[in-house]
Amino acid sequence: SKGIIYFGEDNIFPEKLVDLYNESPTHNAIINGKVGYIVGDGLTFEGEDTNRTIAARQWLNRANDSETWTELIKKVATDYELNNGFCIEVLRTSEGNKYYHVDFSRIRVSTEGGLIYSENWAKDGKRNFRPTTEIVPKYSPFRDDKKSFIYYCEYRPNMDHYPLPVYMGSLAAIETDVEINNYWVNEIKNGFSGGNLLTFNNGVPQNPEKQKDIE
């Protein structure tokens, strides 16, 4: 009824990607490692014009009221490696534009062409049927929207509105990694108690050698 184009069958595919990122140590390390290589020592500017260099460095040190562009780019790179897309909020102020990171998992595309933001698409790991939403226009340099989103997603065949992660073919392996870890944690918590019971419907053999063979 709100004109939401679903992202996944239950509209919570991005939340599932975040869960796998948080729960798989191998997947987590790979994503964080790639982000580290992308960000490196951060953004800087070197030029022959001293005044221009000073101005550029001042701009890089203030993406918004509390972050540098390096800090912002690190968040953007994490979303990009996790989802193959990212979102940045642009606020137009009297002091100039300010840019803020927007969690990509909280964005959905509207049937009207805009973007829909919500912090609670999912509830207790399942789809939330009554999310609190906000419609935000896509950023355009030709409009004077006070608030807008730069929305980027990598092209994927047969995907019109949303990206798929580059590791899409590995999701089953990542989930297997998570479940194996969960299995061993449960084994430890249960004191490695037996998980199987053998029942002899015809009774226990009385012959000790026969019992040994069965064991």
Protein backbone atom coordinates (compact mmCIF):
# COMPACT_ATOMS: atom_id res chain seq x y z
CA SER A 1 0.00 0.00 0.00
CA LYS A 2 3.04 2.28 0.38
CA GLY A 3 4.38 1.57 -3.10
CA ILE A 4 7.39 -0.42 -1.90
CA ILE A 5 9.33 -2.58 -4.35
CA TYR A 6 10.32 -5.59 -2.27
CA PHE A 7 13.99 -6.41 -1.78
CA GLY A 8 13.83 -10.20 -1.61
CA GLU A 9 10.82 -12.44 -1.03
CA ASP A 10 10.12 -11.06 2.46
CA ASN A 11 11.59 -7.60 1.79
CA ILE A 12 14.45 -8.27 4.24
CA PHE A 13 17.23 -9.58 1.98
CA PRO A 14 19.68 -6.81 3.06
CA GLU A 15 19.07 -7.64 6.72
CA LYS A 16 19.95 -11.28 6.02
CA LEU A 17 23.23 -10.17 4.42
CA VAL A 18 24.05 -8.14 7.54
CA ASP A 19 23.27 -11.16 9.76
CA LEU A 20 25.63 -13.38 7.75
CA TYR A 21 28.31 -10.68 7.92
CA ASN A 22 27.99 -10.50 11.71
CA GLU A 23 27.78 -14.26 12.31
CA SER A 24 30.40 -15.73 9.95
CA PRO A 25 33.96 -14.99 11.15
CA THR A 26 35.48 -15.89 7.77
CA HIS A 27 33.05 -13.75 5.76
CA ASN A 28 33.43 -10.91 8.25
CA ALA A 29 37.22 -10.96 7.98
CA ILE A 30 37.10 -10.95 4.15
CA ILE A 31 34.71 -7.98 3.98
CA ASN A 32 36.68 -5.99 6.57
CA GLY A 33 39.96 -6.80 4.82
CA LYS A 34 38.66 -5.55 1.47
CA VAL A 35 37.34 -2.37 3.08
CA GLY A 36 40.75 -1.80 4.66
CA TYR A 37 42.45 -2.06 1.28
CA ILE A 38 39.94 0.33 -0.31
CA VAL A 39 40.21 3.02 2.36
CA GLY A 40 43.94 2.62 2.95
CA ASP A 41 45.42 5.68 4.69
CA GLY A 42 42.39 7.77 3.78
CA LEU A 43 41.64 10.57 1.32
CA THR A 44 44.10 13.40 0.79
CA PHE A 45 44.89 16.07 -1.78
CA GLU A 46 48.18 17.24 -3.24
CA GLY A 47 48.43 20.16 -5.66
CA GLU A 48 50.81 22.84 -6.86
CA ASP A 49 48.46 25.65 -5.83
CA THR A 50 48.91 26.13 -2.06
CA ASN A 51 45.57 27.86 -1.52
CA ARG A 52 43.72 25.19 -3.46
CA THR A 53 45.48 22.43 -1.51
CA ILE A 54 44.51 24.03 1.81
CA ALA A 55 40.89 24.45 0.69
CA ALA A 56 40.68 20.87 -0.56
CA ARG A 57 42.12 19.47 2.67
CA GLN A 58 39.66 21.50 4.71
CA TRP A 59 36.80 20.11 2.60
CA LEU A 60 38.05 16.53 3.04
CA ASN A 61 38.17 17.05 6.80
CA ARG A 62 34.47 17.92 6.98
CA ALA A 63 31.96 15.73 5.17
CA ASN A 64 29.43 16.71 7.82
CA ASP A 65 29.36 18.13 11.34
CA SER A 66 31.09 15.12 12.91
CA GLU A 67 32.91 13.13 10.21
CA THR A 68 35.74 13.50 7.74
CA TRP A 69 35.40 12.16 4.20
CA THR A 70 37.73 9.29 5.11
CA GLU A 71 35.42 8.23 7.95
CA LEU A 72 32.41 8.53 5.65
CA ILE A 73 34.06 6.59 2.83
CA LYS A 74 34.91 3.73 5.19
CA LYS A 75 31.20 3.27 5.97
CA VAL A 76 30.30 3.59 2.28
CA ALA A 77 32.96 1.02 1.33
CA THR A 78 31.61 -1.42 3.92
CA ASP A 79 28.10 -1.15 2.47
CA TYR A 80 29.49 -1.48 -1.06
CA GLU A 81 31.42 -4.68 -0.28
CA LEU A 82 28.46 -6.07 1.64
CA ASN A 83 25.66 -5.18 -0.79
CA ASN A 84 27.30 -4.00 -4.05
CA GLY A 85 25.58 -0.67 -3.46
CA PHE A 86 25.57 2.31 -1.11
CA CYS A 87 23.53 5.36 -0.12
CA ILE A 88 24.58 8.86 0.99
CA GLU A 89 22.29 11.52 2.42
CA VAL A 90 22.77 15.03 1.05
CA LEU A 91 21.58 17.95 3.18
CA ARG A 92 21.55 21.40 1.60
CA THR A 93 22.38 24.09 4.18
CA SER A 94 23.38 27.74 4.18
CA GLU A 95 26.94 26.53 4.85
CA GLY A 96 26.92 24.24 1.82
CA ASN A 97 26.04 20.59 1.30
CA LYS A 98 26.61 18.12 4.11
CA TYR A 99 26.95 14.41 3.43
CA TYR A 100 25.96 11.55 5.74
CA HIS A 101 26.19 7.80 5.42
CA VAL A 102 22.88 5.94 5.17
CA ASP A 103 22.75 2.24 6.06
CA PHE A 104 22.01 0.57 2.72
CA SER A 105 19.89 -2.12 4.39
CA ARG A 106 17.39 0.57 5.41
CA ILE A 107 16.64 1.70 1.85
CA ARG A 108 13.91 0.46 -0.47
CA VAL A 109 12.88 1.77 -3.88
CA SER A 110 9.45 3.30 -4.40
CA THR A 111 7.20 2.43 -7.33
CA GLU A 112 7.01 6.20 -7.87
CA GLY A 113 10.77 6.38 -8.50
CA GLY A 114 11.87 7.80 -5.15
CA LEU A 115 13.42 6.08 -2.17
CA ILE A 116 11.83 4.84 1.05
CA TYR A 117 13.79 4.85 4.32
CA SER A 118 12.96 2.81 7.39
CA GLU A 119 14.91 1.63 10.42
CA ASN A 120 12.59 -1.32 11.03
CA TRP A 121 11.89 -3.26 7.83
CA ALA A 122 12.56 -6.40 9.88
CA LYS A 123 11.33 -7.35 13.34
CA ASP A 124 12.74 -10.29 15.30
CA GLY A 125 14.41 -11.58 12.14
CA LYS A 126 11.17 -11.50 10.14
CA ARG A 127 9.39 -9.03 7.91
CA ASN A 128 7.76 -6.13 9.74
CA PHE A 129 4.28 -5.50 8.34
CA ARG A 130 4.03 -2.01 9.88
CA PRO A 131 7.41 -0.30 9.38
CA THR A 132 7.80 3.41 10.04
CA THR A 133 8.78 4.86 6.66
CA GLU A 134 9.97 8.11 5.13
CA ILE A 135 9.92 8.93 1.41
CA VAL A 136 13.10 10.69 0.24
CA PRO A 137 13.83 11.85 -3.33
CA LYS A 138 16.89 10.69 -5.23
CA TYR A 139 19.63 13.30 -5.40
CA SER A 140 19.76 15.52 -8.46
CA PRO A 141 22.10 18.51 -8.98
CA PHE A 142 19.30 20.15 -10.98
CA ARG A 143 16.84 20.30 -8.06
CA ASP A 144 16.97 22.15 -4.76
CA ASP A 145 15.75 19.35 -2.49
CA LYS A 146 16.68 20.16 1.09
CA LYS A 147 17.21 16.46 1.74
CA SER A 148 17.94 13.76 -0.83
CA PHE A 149 19.76 10.45 -1.20
CA ILE A 150 22.57 9.50 -3.56
CA TYR A 151 21.58 5.92 -4.33
CA TYR A 152 24.01 3.68 -6.19
CA CYS A 153 23.74 0.00 -7.02
CA GLU A 154 25.97 -2.08 -9.28
CA TYR A 155 24.34 -3.43 -12.42
CA ARG A 156 23.09 -7.00 -12.25
CA PRO A 157 21.24 -8.79 -15.09
CA ASN A 158 17.50 -9.07 -14.49
CA MET A 159 17.71 -6.72 -11.48
CA ASP A 160 16.03 -3.36 -12.14
CA HIS A 161 16.15 -1.66 -8.74
CA TYR A 162 18.50 -3.46 -6.37
CA PRO A 163 22.01 -4.93 -6.47
CA LEU A 164 23.17 -8.39 -5.49
CA PRO A 165 26.46 -8.96 -3.65
CA VAL A 166 29.48 -10.14 -5.63
CA TYR A 167 29.60 -13.18 -3.32
CA MET A 168 26.01 -14.18 -4.17
CA GLY A 169 27.15 -17.64 -5.28
CA SER A 170 28.82 -18.17 -1.90
CA LEU A 171 25.81 -17.47 0.34
CA ALA A 172 25.21 -21.17 0.96
CA ALA A 173 28.86 -21.66 1.98
CA ILE A 174 28.71 -18.64 4.30
CA GLU A 175 25.52 -19.89 5.91
CA THR A 176 27.10 -23.32 6.31
CA ASP A 177 30.02 -21.68 8.13
CA VAL A 178 27.56 -20.00 10.50
CA GLU A 179 25.56 -23.18 11.17
CA ILE A 180 28.68 -25.30 11.81
CA ASN A 181 29.81 -22.78 14.42
CA ASN A 182 26.34 -22.80 15.97
CA TYR A 183 26.39 -26.60 16.07
CA TRP A 184 29.68 -26.76 17.97
CA VAL A 185 28.62 -24.01 20.39
CA ASN A 186 25.47 -26.01 21.20
CA GLU A 187 27.56 -29.16 21.63
CA ILE A 188 29.80 -27.41 24.15
CA LYS A 189 26.83 -25.92 26.03
CA ASN A 190 25.23 -29.37 26.23
CA GLY A 191 28.45 -30.95 27.52
CA PHE A 192 28.87 -32.99 24.34
CA SER A 193 25.93 -35.16 25.39
CA GLY A 194 24.86 -37.85 22.94
CA GLY A 195 22.59 -36.69 20.20
CA ASN A 196 21.53 -40.14 18.99
CA LEU A 197 19.77 -43.09 20.61
CA LEU A 198 20.06 -46.70 19.37
CA THR A 199 17.06 -48.88 20.09
CA PHE A 200 17.24 -52.69 19.83
CA ASN A 201 13.68 -53.67 19.01
CA ASN A 202 14.48 -57.39 19.36
CA GLY A 203 16.22 -56.99 22.72
CA VAL A 204 19.90 -56.74 23.67
CA PRO A 205 22.00 -59.78 22.58
CA GLN A 206 23.12 -61.87 25.55
CA ASN A 207 26.31 -63.04 23.85
CA PRO A 208 29.20 -60.66 24.87
CA GLU A 209 30.95 -61.20 21.54
CA LYS A 210 27.77 -60.26 19.67
CA GLN A 211 27.44 -57.11 21.79
CA LYS A 212 31.04 -56.18 20.99
CA ASP A 213 30.42 -56.65 17.26
CA ILE A 214 27.40 -54.36 17.40
CA GLU A 215 29.31 -51.71 19.38
